[in-house]
Amino acid sequence: MRLLPLLLLAILTPAMDVFAQSATQLWVEQMYGIRIHSQAVLNINPTISAITYHNGWWSVDVYPNVEYAVTPNVDIHGAILLSYTKTASDFRCG
C-alpha cells in the first residue's frame, strides 16, 4: 500500500500540467529486443511523436541498436537514429 500514494502522484501531476499547455502532445514509443545469440541483442525502438492541433508537427523515429557482452561486466553498444519530421509551413508553437 505504500506504492499507492506514489502512483497517484505520478498520475495526477502530469495531468494538472496538461491544462496549462496550448497544445496536446502525443508520444508513442515501443521497444523490441531480439536475442542474436547468448552475448548479443538487437533492440529496435520505434517512436511516433505529434502535436495534435492544426496537424502542425509530427515525427517518426527508429532507433536500432546492438549490445554485445564482451565480459559479464563489459558491454559494447552501437546505435543509429533514423528520423523523419514533418512541419506545416504556418506552424507556430505556443
Protein backbone atom coordinates (compact mmCIF):
# COMPACT_ATOMS: atom_id res chain seq x y z
CA MET A 1 0.00 0.00 0.00
CA ARG A 2 2.97 2.34 0.21
CA LEU A 3 3.09 2.50 -3.58
CA LEU A 4 -0.48 3.83 -3.92
CA PRO A 5 0.36 7.45 -2.96
CA LEU A 6 3.34 7.44 -5.34
CA LEU A 7 1.21 6.01 -8.14
CA LEU A 8 -1.48 8.65 -7.61
CA LEU A 9 1.15 11.40 -7.57
CA ALA A 10 2.70 10.10 -10.78
CA ILE A 11 -0.70 10.03 -12.50
CA LEU A 12 -2.10 13.35 -11.25
CA THR A 13 0.98 15.58 -11.54
CA PRO A 14 1.29 15.36 -15.36
CA ALA A 15 -2.50 15.64 -15.71
CA MET A 16 -2.51 19.01 -13.92
CA ASP A 17 0.21 20.37 -16.18
CA VAL A 18 -1.69 19.46 -19.37
CA PHE A 19 -4.27 22.17 -18.73
CA ALA A 20 -1.54 24.84 -18.83
CA GLN A 21 -0.44 23.84 -22.35
CA SER A 22 -1.86 25.33 -25.52
CA ALA A 23 -1.47 22.08 -27.50
CA THR A 24 -1.87 18.39 -26.87
CA GLN A 25 1.15 16.22 -27.46
CA LEU A 26 1.06 12.52 -28.28
CA TRP A 27 4.11 10.28 -27.81
CA VAL A 28 4.08 6.55 -28.54
CA GLU A 29 7.24 4.50 -28.04
CA GLN A 30 7.87 0.76 -28.13
CA MET A 31 10.98 -1.34 -27.62
CA TYR A 32 11.60 -4.68 -29.25
CA GLY A 33 14.55 -6.89 -28.32
CA ILE A 34 15.82 -9.72 -30.47
CA ARG A 35 18.47 -12.01 -28.99
CA ILE A 36 21.01 -12.80 -31.71
CA HIS A 37 22.90 -15.28 -29.51
CA SER A 38 23.79 -15.57 -25.82
CA GLN A 39 26.01 -12.45 -25.87
CA ALA A 40 24.31 -10.15 -28.39
CA VAL A 41 20.93 -8.39 -28.51
CA LEU A 42 19.42 -6.23 -31.26
CA ASN A 43 16.99 -3.60 -29.90
CA ILE A 44 14.64 -1.60 -32.11
CA ASN A 45 12.87 1.46 -30.67
CA PRO A 46 10.21 3.00 -32.95
CA THR A 47 8.72 6.29 -31.72
CA ILE A 48 5.87 8.43 -33.08
CA SER A 49 5.52 11.98 -31.74
CA ALA A 50 2.92 14.62 -32.63
CA ILE A 51 1.42 17.93 -31.60
CA THR A 52 -2.24 17.35 -32.32
CA TYR A 53 -3.64 20.73 -33.36
CA HIS A 54 -3.53 22.05 -36.97
CA ASN A 55 -1.53 18.96 -38.00
CA GLY A 56 1.40 21.24 -37.24
CA TRP A 57 4.19 18.86 -36.28
CA TRP A 58 4.87 15.15 -36.19
CA SER A 59 7.91 12.92 -36.15
CA VAL A 60 8.70 9.24 -36.67
CA ASP A 61 11.97 7.91 -35.23
CA VAL A 62 13.50 4.45 -35.39
CA TYR A 63 16.48 3.76 -33.15
CA PRO A 64 18.10 0.38 -33.83
CA ASN A 65 20.96 -0.51 -31.50
CA VAL A 66 23.10 -3.55 -30.79
CA GLU A 67 24.51 -4.70 -27.44
CA TYR A 68 27.33 -7.20 -27.22
CA ALA A 69 28.54 -8.61 -23.89
CA VAL A 70 32.34 -8.79 -24.08
CA THR A 71 32.54 -9.97 -20.47
CA PRO A 72 29.88 -10.26 -17.74
CA ASN A 73 30.78 -6.69 -16.67
CA VAL A 74 31.53 -5.01 -20.04
CA ASP A 75 29.06 -4.37 -22.90
CA ILE A 76 29.68 -2.69 -26.24
CA HIS A 77 26.80 -0.66 -27.71
CA GLY A 78 26.35 0.59 -31.25
CA ALA A 79 23.36 2.62 -32.45
CA ILE A 80 21.99 4.84 -35.21
CA LEU A 81 18.99 7.19 -35.15
CA LEU A 82 16.75 7.34 -38.22
CA SER A 83 14.27 10.21 -38.05
CA TYR A 84 11.67 11.93 -40.22
CA THR A 85 9.93 15.13 -39.10
CA LYS A 86 7.08 16.97 -40.85
CA THR A 87 6.24 20.57 -40.02
CA ALA A 88 3.49 22.69 -41.57
CA SER A 89 4.77 25.95 -43.07
CA ASP A 90 2.48 28.04 -40.84
CA PHE A 91 3.15 26.07 -37.64
CA ARG A 92 3.96 28.11 -34.52
CA CYS A 93 4.42 26.52 -31.13
CA GLY A 94 2.99 28.42 -28.18
